[in-house]
Amino acid sequence: MKINNITMLNAYSVFNNKFNTTSDMEIKWKIMNIADEIFQIKQRFDNAQNIIVGEYGKEDENGQKSLSVDDEHFQELLRYETDISPIHFDDIKDIGLSFEDMMMLKPILEK
């Protein structure tokens, strides 16, 4: 299935937050296995974002480059679509996700 980077960032956020807030090692292991592909896509996104900031960012008074979220290059990166395997509902049903988490994952969930 194809998803854009906004959907990927939402899924990354859900799994990253759940991983960091649970102490149950079985749930952490499950998240690592379910979300591996998302984490790899996130790393590629971060690399692309750093390149865009380096090329098109504006320096502040401290010499740090930044980019407006309205920047056309950044917006294009957010809209970029990538292939991803759907996540099966049965794989996540017992990791204790909230309603909001489930709604953020909805575009990549498969029953």
PDB file of N, CA and C in Angstrom:
ATOM      1  N   MET A   1       0.842  -1.173   0.000  1.00  0.00           N
ATOM      2  CA  MET A   1       0.000   0.000   0.000  1.00  0.00           C
ATOM      3  C   MET A   1       0.887   1.236   0.000  1.00  0.00           C
ATOM      4  N   LYS A   2       0.358   2.308  -0.558  1.00  0.00           N
ATOM      5  CA  LYS A   2       1.100   3.574  -0.589  1.00  0.00           C
ATOM      6  C   LYS A   2       0.567   4.501   0.504  1.00  0.00           C
ATOM      7  N   ILE A   3       1.505   5.136   1.182  1.00  0.00           N
ATOM      8  CA  ILE A   3       1.142   6.148   2.182  1.00  0.00           C
ATOM      9  C   ILE A   3       2.048   7.358   1.975  1.00  0.00           C
ATOM     10  N   ASN A   4       1.555   8.520   2.396  1.00  0.00           N
ATOM     11  CA  ASN A   4       2.416   9.694   2.327  1.00  0.00           C
ATOM     12  C   ASN A   4       3.193   9.819   3.642  1.00  0.00           C
ATOM     13  N   ASN A   5       4.164  10.707   3.656  1.00  0.00           N
ATOM     14  CA  ASN A   5       5.025  10.841   4.826  1.00  0.00           C
ATOM     15  C   ASN A   5       4.292  11.376   6.049  1.00  0.00           C
ATOM     16  N   ILE A   6       3.198  12.083   5.856  1.00  0.00           N
ATOM     17  CA  ILE A   6       2.418  12.542   7.014  1.00  0.00           C
ATOM     18  C   ILE A   6       1.837  11.339   7.748  1.00  0.00           C
ATOM     19  N   THR A   7       1.295  10.397   7.005  1.00  0.00           N
ATOM     20  CA  THR A   7       0.760   9.174   7.606  1.00  0.00           C
ATOM     21  C   THR A   7       1.868   8.387   8.283  1.00  0.00           C
ATOM     22  N   MET A   8       3.032   8.307   7.636  1.00  0.00           N
ATOM     23  CA  MET A   8       4.170   7.600   8.224  1.00  0.00           C
ATOM     24  C   MET A   8       4.593   8.263   9.536  1.00  0.00           C
ATOM     25  N   LEU A   9       4.651   9.586   9.559  1.00  0.00           N
ATOM     26  CA  LEU A   9       5.052  10.290  10.784  1.00  0.00           C
ATOM     27  C   LEU A   9       4.048  10.056  11.912  1.00  0.00           C
ATOM     28  N   ASN A  10       2.760  10.001  11.573  1.00  0.00           N
ATOM     29  CA  ASN A  10       1.745   9.696  12.586  1.00  0.00           C
ATOM     30  C   ASN A  10       1.952   8.302  13.157  1.00  0.00           C
ATOM     31  N   ALA A  11       2.172   7.320  12.287  1.00  0.00           N
ATOM     32  CA  ALA A  11       2.395   5.947  12.750  1.00  0.00           C
ATOM     33  C   ALA A  11       3.666   5.853  13.575  1.00  0.00           C
ATOM     34  N   TYR A  12       4.712   6.522  13.123  1.00  0.00           N
ATOM     35  CA  TYR A  12       5.967   6.541  13.873  1.00  0.00           C
ATOM     36  C   TYR A  12       5.746   7.101  15.268  1.00  0.00           C
ATOM     37  N   SER A  13       5.009   8.184  15.345  1.00  0.00           N
ATOM     38  CA  SER A  13       4.733   8.821  16.638  1.00  0.00           C
ATOM     39  C   SER A  13       3.995   7.874  17.577  1.00  0.00           C
ATOM     40  N   VAL A  14       2.977   7.182  17.061  1.00  0.00           N
ATOM     41  CA  VAL A  14       2.211   6.240  17.881  1.00  0.00           C
ATOM     42  C   VAL A  14       3.121   5.158  18.450  1.00  0.00           C
ATOM     43  N   PHE A  15       3.882   4.509  17.582  1.00  0.00           N
ATOM     44  CA  PHE A  15       4.721   3.400  18.035  1.00  0.00           C
ATOM     45  C   PHE A  15       5.876   3.875  18.915  1.00  0.00           C
ATOM     46  N   ASN A  16       6.466   5.007  18.580  1.00  0.00           N
ATOM     47  CA  ASN A  16       7.564   5.538  19.385  1.00  0.00           C
ATOM     48  C   ASN A  16       7.084   5.907  20.789  1.00  0.00           C
ATOM     49  N   ASN A  17       5.933   6.575  20.873  1.00  0.00           N
ATOM     50  CA  ASN A  17       5.394   6.959  22.182  1.00  0.00           C
ATOM     51  C   ASN A  17       5.017   5.738  23.013  1.00  0.00           C
ATOM     52  N   LYS A  18       4.377   4.761  22.377  1.00  0.00           N
ATOM     53  CA  LYS A  18       3.988   3.552  23.107  1.00  0.00           C
ATOM     54  C   LYS A  18       5.220   2.800  23.596  1.00  0.00           C
ATOM     55  N   PHE A  19       6.229   2.691  22.743  1.00  0.00           N
ATOM     56  CA  PHE A  19       7.471   2.010  23.114  1.00  0.00           C
ATOM     57  C   PHE A  19       8.114   2.696  24.318  1.00  0.00           C
ATOM     58  N   ASN A  20       8.166   4.025  24.283  1.00  0.00           N
ATOM     59  CA  ASN A  20       8.845   4.779  25.334  1.00  0.00           C
ATOM     60  C   ASN A  20       8.060   4.876  26.637  1.00  0.00           C
ATOM     61  N   THR A  21       6.760   4.586  26.605  1.00  0.00           N
ATOM     62  CA  THR A  21       5.965   4.731  27.825  1.00  0.00           C
ATOM     63  C   THR A  21       5.568   3.408  28.463  1.00  0.00           C
ATOM     64  N   THR A  22       5.968   2.305  27.865  1.00  0.00           N
ATOM     65  CA  THR A  22       5.646   1.015  28.473  1.00  0.00           C
ATOM     66  C   THR A  22       6.914   0.391  29.044  1.00  0.00           C
ATOM     67  N   SER A  23       6.743  -0.321  30.123  1.00  0.00           N
ATOM     68  CA  SER A  23       7.883  -1.043  30.700  1.00  0.00           C
ATOM     69  C   SER A  23       7.800  -2.535  30.381  1.00  0.00           C
ATOM     70  N   ASP A  24       6.713  -2.954  29.759  1.00  0.00           N
ATOM     71  CA  ASP A  24       6.511  -4.356  29.412  1.00  0.00           C
ATOM     72  C   ASP A  24       7.402  -4.714  28.215  1.00  0.00           C
ATOM     73  N   MET A  25       8.399  -5.554  28.457  1.00  0.00           N
ATOM     74  CA  MET A  25       9.360  -5.898  27.417  1.00  0.00           C
ATOM     75  C   MET A  25       8.719  -6.693  26.277  1.00  0.00           C
ATOM     76  N   GLU A  26       7.683  -7.457  26.562  1.00  0.00           N
ATOM     77  CA  GLU A  26       7.003  -8.186  25.485  1.00  0.00           C
ATOM     78  C   GLU A  26       6.326  -7.220  24.517  1.00  0.00           C
ATOM     79  N   ILE A  27       5.720  -6.171  25.057  1.00  0.00           N
ATOM     80  CA  ILE A  27       5.088  -5.166  24.203  1.00  0.00           C
ATOM     81  C   ILE A  27       6.160  -4.420  23.417  1.00  0.00           C
ATOM     82  N   LYS A  28       7.267  -4.086  24.065  1.00  0.00           N
ATOM     83  CA  LYS A  28       8.360  -3.409  23.354  1.00  0.00           C
ATOM     84  C   LYS A  28       8.869  -4.274  22.202  1.00  0.00           C
ATOM     85  N   TRP A  29       9.040  -5.573  22.452  1.00  0.00           N
ATOM     86  CA  TRP A  29       9.501  -6.490  21.410  1.00  0.00           C
ATOM     87  C   TRP A  29       8.504  -6.531  20.246  1.00  0.00           C
ATOM     88  N   LYS A  30       7.236  -6.584  20.586  1.00  0.00           N
ATOM     89  CA  LYS A  30       6.188  -6.629  19.561  1.00  0.00           C
ATOM     90  C   LYS A  30       6.213  -5.346  18.723  1.00  0.00           C
ATOM     91  N   ILE A  31       6.330  -4.203  19.380  1.00  0.00           N
ATOM     92  CA  ILE A  31       6.379  -2.925  18.670  1.00  0.00           C
ATOM     93  C   ILE A  31       7.594  -2.874  17.745  1.00  0.00           C
ATOM     94  N   MET A  32       8.743  -3.338  18.238  1.00  0.00           N
ATOM     95  CA  MET A  32       9.949  -3.344  17.402  1.00  0.00           C
ATOM     96  C   MET A  32       9.720  -4.131  16.118  1.00  0.00           C
ATOM     97  N   ASN A  33       9.057  -5.261  16.231  1.00  0.00           N
ATOM     98  CA  ASN A  33       8.833  -6.098  15.057  1.00  0.00           C
ATOM     99  C   ASN A  33       7.756  -5.535  14.136  1.00  0.00           C
ATOM    100  N   ILE A  34       6.701  -4.999  14.710  1.00  0.00           N
ATOM    101  CA  ILE A  34       5.610  -4.443  13.899  1.00  0.00           C
ATOM    102  C   ILE A  34       6.061  -3.178  13.171  1.00  0.00           C
ATOM    103  N   ALA A  35       6.794  -2.331  13.858  1.00  0.00           N
ATOM    104  CA  ALA A  35       7.088  -0.994  13.354  1.00  0.00           C
ATOM    105  C   ALA A  35       8.446  -0.862  12.669  1.00  0.00           C
ATOM    106  N   ASP A  36       9.145  -1.947  12.469  1.00  0.00           N
ATOM    107  CA  ASP A  36      10.483  -1.880  11.878  1.00  0.00           C
ATOM    108  C   ASP A  36      10.486  -1.136  10.546  1.00  0.00           C
ATOM    109  N   GLU A  37       9.559  -1.465   9.679  1.00  0.00           N
ATOM    110  CA  GLU A  37       9.501  -0.821   8.362  1.00  0.00           C
ATOM    111  C   GLU A  37       9.236   0.686   8.492  1.00  0.00           C
ATOM    112  N   ILE A  38       8.372   1.058   9.414  1.00  0.00           N
ATOM    113  CA  ILE A  38       8.072   2.477   9.641  1.00  0.00           C
ATOM    114  C   ILE A  38       9.305   3.212  10.145  1.00  0.00           C
ATOM    115  N   PHE A  39      10.050   2.592  11.053  1.00  0.00           N
ATOM    116  CA  PHE A  39      11.246   3.224  11.574  1.00  0.00           C
ATOM    117  C   PHE A  39      12.301   3.410  10.477  1.00  0.00           C
ATOM    118  N   GLN A  40      12.401   2.467   9.559  1.00  0.00           N
ATOM    119  CA  GLN A  40      13.342   2.611   8.446  1.00  0.00           C
ATOM    120  C   GLN A  40      12.932   3.747   7.517  1.00  0.00           C
ATOM    121  N   ILE A  41      11.643   3.846   7.235  1.00  0.00           N
ATOM    122  CA  ILE A  41      11.151   4.945   6.393  1.00  0.00           C
ATOM    123  C   ILE A  41      11.387   6.277   7.095  1.00  0.00           C
ATOM    124  N   LYS A  42      11.185   6.306   8.402  1.00  0.00           N
ATOM    125  CA  LYS A  42      11.412   7.548   9.179  1.00  0.00           C
ATOM    126  C   LYS A  42      12.865   7.987   9.084  1.00  0.00           C
ATOM    127  N   GLN A  43      13.798   7.044   9.116  1.00  0.00           N
ATOM    128  CA  GLN A  43      15.213   7.405   8.985  1.00  0.00           C
ATOM    129  C   GLN A  43      15.495   8.022   7.619  1.00  0.00           C
ATOM    130  N   ARG A  44      14.913   7.462   6.568  1.00  0.00           N
ATOM    131  CA  ARG A  44      15.090   8.035   5.226  1.00  0.00           C
ATOM    132  C   ARG A  44      14.450   9.425   5.139  1.00  0.00           C
ATOM    133  N   PHE A  45      13.299   9.583   5.780  1.00  0.00           N
ATOM    134  CA  PHE A  45      12.635  10.891   5.827  1.00  0.00           C
ATOM    135  C   PHE A  45      13.545  11.915   6.519  1.00  0.00           C
ATOM    136  N   ASP A  46      14.105  11.536   7.664  1.00  0.00           N
ATOM    137  CA  ASP A  46      14.989  12.445   8.402  1.00  0.00           C
ATOM    138  C   ASP A  46      16.196  12.852   7.556  1.00  0.00           C
ATOM    139  N   ASN A  47      16.767  11.895   6.841  1.00  0.00           N
ATOM    140  CA  ASN A  47      17.911  12.207   5.973  1.00  0.00           C
ATOM    141  C   ASN A  47      17.504  13.187   4.886  1.00  0.00           C
ATOM    142  N   ALA A  48      16.360  12.948   4.245  1.00  0.00           N
ATOM    143  CA  ALA A  48      15.877  13.848   3.201  1.00  0.00           C
ATOM    144  C   ALA A  48      15.573  15.231   3.768  1.00  0.00           C
ATOM    145  N   GLN A  49      14.998  15.267   4.959  1.00  0.00           N
ATOM    146  CA  GLN A  49      14.689  16.545   5.597  1.00  0.00           C
ATOM    147  C   GLN A  49      15.977  17.321   5.883  1.00  0.00           C
ATOM    148  N   ASN A  50      17.009  16.647   6.359  1.00  0.00           N
ATOM    149  CA  ASN A  50      18.290  17.314   6.626  1.00  0.00           C
ATOM    150  C   ASN A  50      18.901  17.877   5.347  1.00  0.00           C
ATOM    151  N   ILE A  51      18.774  17.149   4.248  1.00  0.00           N
ATOM    152  CA  ILE A  51      19.288  17.640   2.967  1.00  0.00           C
ATOM    153  C   ILE A  51      18.520  18.886   2.541  1.00  0.00           C
ATOM    154  N   ILE A  52      17.193  18.857   2.666  1.00  0.00           N
ATOM    155  CA  ILE A  52      16.373  20.011   2.283  1.00  0.00           C
ATOM    156  C   ILE A  52      16.708  21.223   3.151  1.00  0.00           C
ATOM    157  N   VAL A  53      16.856  21.017   4.448  1.00  0.00           N
ATOM    158  CA  VAL A  53      17.211  22.138   5.339  1.00  0.00           C
ATOM    159  C   VAL A  53      18.581  22.678   4.964  1.00  0.00           C
ATOM    160  N   GLY A  54      19.522  21.779   4.666  1.00  0.00           N
ATOM    161  CA  GLY A  54      20.860  22.215   4.276  1.00  0.00           C
ATOM    162  C   GLY A  54      20.864  23.035   2.998  1.00  0.00           C
ATOM    163  N   GLU A  55      20.023  22.656   2.043  1.00  0.00           N
ATOM    164  CA  GLU A  55      20.002  23.351   0.759  1.00  0.00           C
ATOM    165  C   GLU A  55      19.137  24.604   0.754  1.00  0.00           C
ATOM    166  N   TYR A  56      17.994  24.547   1.423  1.00  0.00           N
ATOM    167  CA  TYR A  56      17.018  25.629   1.309  1.00  0.00           C
ATOM    168  C   TYR A  56      16.751  26.372   2.616  1.00  0.00           C
ATOM    169  N   GLY A  57      17.336  25.913   3.707  1.00  0.00           N
ATOM    170  CA  GLY A  57      17.102  26.553   4.988  1.00  0.00           C
ATOM    171  C   GLY A  57      17.736  27.926   5.081  1.00  0.00           C
ATOM    172  N   LYS A  58      17.210  28.708   5.973  1.00  0.00           N
ATOM    173  CA  LYS A  58      17.741  30.051   6.220  1.00  0.00           C
ATOM    174  C   LYS A  58      18.430  30.055   7.584  1.00  0.00           C
ATOM    175  N   GLU A  59      19.567  30.705   7.631  1.00  0.00           N
ATOM    176  CA  GLU A  59      20.324  30.757   8.877  1.00  0.00           C
ATOM    177  C   GLU A  59      19.744  31.808   9.815  1.00  0.00           C
ATOM    178  N   ASP A  60      19.717  31.451  11.111  1.00  0.00           N
ATOM    179  CA  ASP A  60      19.302  32.425  12.114  1.00  0.00           C
ATOM    180  C   ASP A  60      20.547  33.148  12.630  1.00  0.00           C
ATOM    181  N   GLU A  61      20.371  33.956  13.666  1.00  0.00           N
ATOM    182  CA  GLU A  61      21.479  34.753  14.193  1.00  0.00           C
ATOM    183  C   GLU A  61      22.586  33.890  14.805  1.00  0.00           C
ATOM    184  N   ASN A  62      22.284  32.640  15.133  1.00  0.00           N
ATOM    185  CA  ASN A  62      23.291  31.730  15.688  1.00  0.00           C
ATOM    186  C   ASN A  62      23.929  30.834  14.630  1.00  0.00           C
ATOM    187  N   GLY A  63      23.567  31.026  13.376  1.00  0.00           N
ATOM    188  CA  GLY A  63      24.131  30.235  12.295  1.00  0.00           C
ATOM    189  C   GLY A  63      23.444  28.893  12.084  1.00  0.00           C
ATOM    190  N   GLN A  64      22.337  28.661  12.797  1.00  0.00           N
ATOM    191  CA  GLN A  64      21.584  27.416  12.641  1.00  0.00           C
ATOM    192  C   GLN A  64      20.602  27.577  11.489  1.00  0.00           C
ATOM    193  N   LYS A  65      20.573  26.579  10.613  1.00  0.00           N
ATOM    194  CA  LYS A  65      19.632  26.620   9.504  1.00  0.00           C
ATOM    195  C   LYS A  65      18.306  26.004   9.919  1.00  0.00           C
ATOM    196  N   SER A  66      17.236  26.607   9.451  1.00  0.00           N
ATOM    197  CA  SER A  66      15.900  26.056   9.693  1.00  0.00           C
ATOM    198  C   SER A  66      15.048  26.322   8.465  1.00  0.00           C
ATOM    199  N   LEU A  67      13.928  25.665   8.455  1.00  0.00           N
ATOM    200  CA  LEU A  67      13.044  25.730   7.317  1.00  0.00           C
ATOM    201  C   LEU A  67      11.626  25.903   7.814  1.00  0.00           C
ATOM    202  N   SER A  68      10.881  26.759   7.193  1.00  0.00           N
ATOM    203  CA  SER A  68       9.475  26.949   7.542  1.00  0.00           C
ATOM    204  C   SER A  68       8.689  25.712   7.138  1.00  0.00           C
ATOM    205  N   VAL A  69       7.704  25.360   7.945  1.00  0.00           N
ATOM    206  CA  VAL A  69       6.860  24.219   7.583  1.00  0.00           C
ATOM    207  C   VAL A  69       6.053  24.514   6.319  1.00  0.00           C
ATOM    208  N   ASP A  70       5.968  25.775   5.941  1.00  0.00           N
ATOM    209  CA  ASP A  70       5.270  26.164   4.718  1.00  0.00           C
ATOM    210  C   ASP A  70       6.157  26.080   3.480  1.00  0.00           C
ATOM    211  N   ASP A  71       7.449  25.797   3.671  1.00  0.00           N
ATOM    212  CA  ASP A  71       8.383  25.730   2.554  1.00  0.00           C
ATOM    213  C   ASP A  71       7.907  24.686   1.537  1.00  0.00           C
ATOM    214  N   GLU A  72       7.945  25.049   0.263  1.00  0.00           N
ATOM    215  CA  GLU A  72       7.431  24.161  -0.783  1.00  0.00           C
ATOM    216  C   GLU A  72       8.206  22.844  -0.858  1.00  0.00           C
ATOM    217  N   HIS A  73       9.504  22.866  -0.597  1.00  0.00           N
ATOM    218  CA  HIS A  73      10.300  21.640  -0.648  1.00  0.00           C
ATOM    219  C   HIS A  73       9.940  20.706   0.511  1.00  0.00           C
ATOM    220  N   PHE A  74       9.717  21.287   1.680  1.00  0.00           N
ATOM    221  CA  PHE A  74       9.319  20.490   2.837  1.00  0.00           C
ATOM    222  C   PHE A  74       7.920  19.914   2.632  1.00  0.00           C
ATOM    223  N   GLN A  75       7.024  20.717   2.105  1.00  0.00           N
ATOM    224  CA  GLN A  75       5.659  20.249   1.841  1.00  0.00           C
ATOM    225  C   GLN A  75       5.656  19.115   0.818  1.00  0.00           C
ATOM    226  N   GLU A  76       6.533  19.221  -0.178  1.00  0.00           N
ATOM    227  CA  GLU A  76       6.650  18.151  -1.168  1.00  0.00           C
ATOM    228  C   GLU A  76       7.138  16.860  -0.499  1.00  0.00           C
ATOM    229  N   LEU A  77       8.081  16.984   0.420  1.00  0.00           N
ATOM    230  CA  LEU A  77       8.573  15.815   1.155  1.00  0.00           C
ATOM    231  C   LEU A  77       7.447  15.185   1.972  1.00  0.00           C
ATOM    232  N   LEU A  78       6.617  15.991   2.607  1.00  0.00           N
ATOM    233  CA  LEU A  78       5.497  15.462   3.392  1.00  0.00           C
ATOM    234  C   LEU A  78       4.488  14.724   2.514  1.00  0.00           C
ATOM    235  N   ARG A  79       4.279  15.221   1.308  1.00  0.00           N
ATOM    236  CA  ARG A  79       3.309  14.600   0.403  1.00  0.00           C
ATOM    237  C   ARG A  79       3.872  13.367  -0.312  1.00  0.00           C
ATOM    238  N   TYR A  80       5.185  13.199  -0.295  1.00  0.00           N
ATOM    239  CA  TYR A  80       5.815  12.080  -0.999  1.00  0.00           C
ATOM    240  C   TYR A  80       5.238  10.758  -0.510  1.00  0.00           C
ATOM    241  N   GLU A  81       4.929   9.875  -1.450  1.00  0.00           N
ATOM    242  CA  GLU A  81       4.340   8.582  -1.106  1.00  0.00           C
ATOM    243  C   GLU A  81       5.376   7.474  -1.205  1.00  0.00           C
ATOM    244  N   THR A  82       5.246   6.528  -0.306  1.00  0.00           N
ATOM    245  CA  THR A  82       6.136   5.383  -0.267  1.00  0.00           C
ATOM    246  C   THR A  82       5.307   4.126  -0.057  1.00  0.00           C
ATOM    247  N   ASP A  83       5.851   3.020  -0.480  1.00  0.00           N
ATOM    248  CA  ASP A  83       5.174   1.743  -0.275  1.00  0.00           C
ATOM    249  C   ASP A  83       5.461   1.217   1.119  1.00  0.00           C
ATOM    250  N   ILE A  84       4.450   0.629   1.722  1.00  0.00           N
ATOM    251  CA  ILE A  84       4.590   0.061   3.050  1.00  0.00           C
ATOM    252  C   ILE A  84       3.648  -1.138   3.165  1.00  0.00           C
ATOM    253  N   SER A  85       4.068  -2.106   3.930  1.00  0.00           N
ATOM    254  CA  SER A  85       3.192  -3.250   4.194  1.00  0.00           C
ATOM    255  C   SER A  85       2.144  -2.830   5.213  1.00  0.00           C
ATOM    256  N   PRO A  86       0.899  -3.220   5.000  1.00  0.00           N
ATOM    257  CA  PRO A  86      -0.123  -2.867   5.994  1.00  0.00           C
ATOM    258  C   PRO A  86       0.153  -3.566   7.321  1.00  0.00           C
ATOM    259  N   ILE A  87      -0.332  -2.959   8.383  1.00  0.00           N
ATOM    260  CA  ILE A  87      -0.209  -3.545   9.718  1.00  0.00           C
ATOM    261  C   ILE A  87      -1.515  -4.249  10.022  1.00  0.00           C
ATOM    262  N   HIS A  88      -1.429  -5.472  10.435  1.00  0.00           N
ATOM    263  CA  HIS A  88      -2.622  -6.263  10.718  1.00  0.00           C
ATOM    264  C   HIS A  88      -3.143  -5.951  12.121  1.00  0.00           C
ATOM    265  N   PHE A  89      -4.435  -5.757  12.201  1.00  0.00           N
ATOM    266  CA  PHE A  89      -5.082  -5.427  13.471  1.00  0.00           C
ATOM    267  C   PHE A  89      -4.743  -6.450  14.550  1.00  0.00           C
ATOM    268  N   ASP A  90      -4.723  -7.718  14.204  1.00  0.00           N
ATOM    269  CA  ASP A  90      -4.431  -8.768  15.193  1.00  0.00           C
ATOM    270  C   ASP A  90      -3.049  -8.594  15.818  1.00  0.00           C
ATOM    271  N   ASP A  91      -2.123  -7.967  15.094  1.00  0.00           N
ATOM    272  CA  ASP A  91      -0.775  -7.768  15.622  1.00  0.00           C
ATOM    273  C   ASP A  91      -0.698  -6.654  16.660  1.00  0.00           C
ATOM    274  N   ILE A  92      -1.646  -5.733  16.629  1.00  0.00           N
ATOM    275  CA  ILE A  92      -1.568  -4.599  17.556  1.00  0.00           C
ATOM    276  C   ILE A  92      -2.674  -4.580  18.598  1.00  0.00           C
ATOM    277  N   LYS A  93      -3.626  -5.483  18.497  1.00  0.00           N
ATOM    278  CA  LYS A  93      -4.811  -5.387  19.362  1.00  0.00           C
ATOM    279  C   LYS A  93      -4.497  -5.540  20.841  1.00  0.00           C
ATOM    280  N   ASP A  94      -3.376  -6.114  21.194  1.00  0.00           N
ATOM    281  CA  ASP A  94      -3.074  -6.341  22.612  1.00  0.00           C
ATOM    282  C   ASP A  94      -1.913  -5.493  23.139  1.00  0.00           C
ATOM    283  N   ILE A  95      -1.582  -4.412  22.432  1.00  0.00           N
ATOM    284  CA  ILE A  95      -0.504  -3.560  22.957  1.00  0.00           C
ATOM    285  C   ILE A  95      -1.028  -2.306  23.646  1.00  0.00           C
ATOM    286  N   GLY A  96      -2.341  -2.212  23.792  1.00  0.00           N
ATOM    287  CA  GLY A  96      -2.923  -1.148  24.608  1.00  0.00           C
ATOM    288  C   GLY A  96      -2.898   0.233  23.979  1.00  0.00           C
ATOM    289  N   LEU A  97      -3.318   0.323  22.731  1.00  0.00           N
ATOM    290  CA  LEU A  97      -3.353   1.623  22.067  1.00  0.00           C
ATOM    291  C   LEU A  97      -4.640   2.361  22.406  1.00  0.00           C
ATOM    292  N   SER A  98      -4.540   3.670  22.475  1.00  0.00           N
ATOM    293  CA  SER A  98      -5.710   4.503  22.742  1.00  0.00           C
ATOM    294  C   SER A  98      -6.531   4.676  21.463  1.00  0.00           C
ATOM    295  N   PHE A  99      -7.713   5.247  21.633  1.00  0.00           N
ATOM    296  CA  PHE A  99      -8.568   5.551  20.484  1.00  0.00           C
ATOM    297  C   PHE A  99      -7.826   6.460  19.506  1.00  0.00           C
ATOM    298  N   GLU A 100      -7.172   7.495  20.028  1.00  0.00           N
ATOM    299  CA  GLU A 100      -6.432   8.427  19.179  1.00  0.00           C
ATOM    300  C   GLU A 100      -5.317   7.704  18.420  1.00  0.00           C
ATOM    301  N   ASP A 101      -4.608   6.810  19.102  1.00  0.00           N
ATOM    302  CA  ASP A 101      -3.555   6.030  18.445  1.00  0.00           C
ATOM    303  C   ASP A 101      -4.135   5.207  17.297  1.00  0.00           C
ATOM    304  N   MET A 102      -5.251   4.550  17.561  1.00  0.00           N
ATOM    305  CA  MET A 102      -5.874   3.715  16.540  1.00  0.00           C
ATOM    306  C   MET A 102      -6.317   4.557  15.338  1.00  0.00           C
ATOM    307  N   MET A 103      -6.836   5.739  15.595  1.00  0.00           N
ATOM    308  CA  MET A 103      -7.255   6.620  14.503  1.00  0.00           C
ATOM    309  C   MET A 103      -6.053   7.066  13.670  1.00  0.00           C
ATOM    310  N   MET A 104      -4.920   7.298  14.316  1.00  0.00           N
ATOM    311  CA  MET A 104      -3.717   7.695  13.587  1.00  0.00           C
ATOM    312  C   MET A 104      -3.165   6.542  12.745  1.00  0.00           C
ATOM    313  N   LEU A 105      -3.393   5.313  13.192  1.00  0.00           N
ATOM    314  CA  LEU A 105      -2.921   4.137  12.455  1.00  0.00           C
ATOM    315  C   LEU A 105      -3.925   3.645  11.406  1.00  0.00           C
ATOM    316  N   LYS A 106      -5.134   4.132  11.482  1.00  0.00           N
ATOM    317  CA  LYS A 106      -6.212   3.640  10.611  1.00  0.00           C
ATOM    318  C   LYS A 106      -5.828   3.531   9.134  1.00  0.00           C
ATOM    319  N   PRO A 107      -5.120   4.507   8.556  1.00  0.00           N
ATOM    320  CA  PRO A 107      -4.791   4.393   7.128  1.00  0.00           C
ATOM    321  C   PRO A 107      -3.896   3.205   6.769  1.00  0.00           C
ATOM    322  N   ILE A 108      -3.190   2.639   7.751  1.00  0.00           N
ATOM    323  CA  ILE A 108      -2.292   1.523   7.427  1.00  0.00           C
ATOM    324  C   ILE A 108      -2.726   0.204   8.075  1.00  0.00           C
ATOM    325  N   LEU A 109      -3.892   0.228   8.730  1.00  0.00           N
ATOM    326  CA  LEU A 109      -4.383  -0.985   9.373  1.00  0.00           C
ATOM    327  C   LEU A 109      -5.162  -1.859   8.390  1.00  0.00           C
ATOM    328  N   GLU A 110      -5.022  -3.143   8.589  1.00  0.00           N
ATOM    329  CA  GLU A 110      -5.774  -4.119   7.811  1.00  0.00           C
ATOM    330  C   GLU A 110      -6.375  -5.117   8.787  1.00  0.00           C
ATOM    331  N   LYS A 111      -7.643  -5.410   8.624  1.00  0.00           N
ATOM    332  CA  LYS A 111      -8.324  -6.360   9.536  1.00  0.00           C
ATOM    333  C   LYS A 111      -8.122  -7.766   9.071  1.00  0.00           C
TER     334      LYS A 111
END
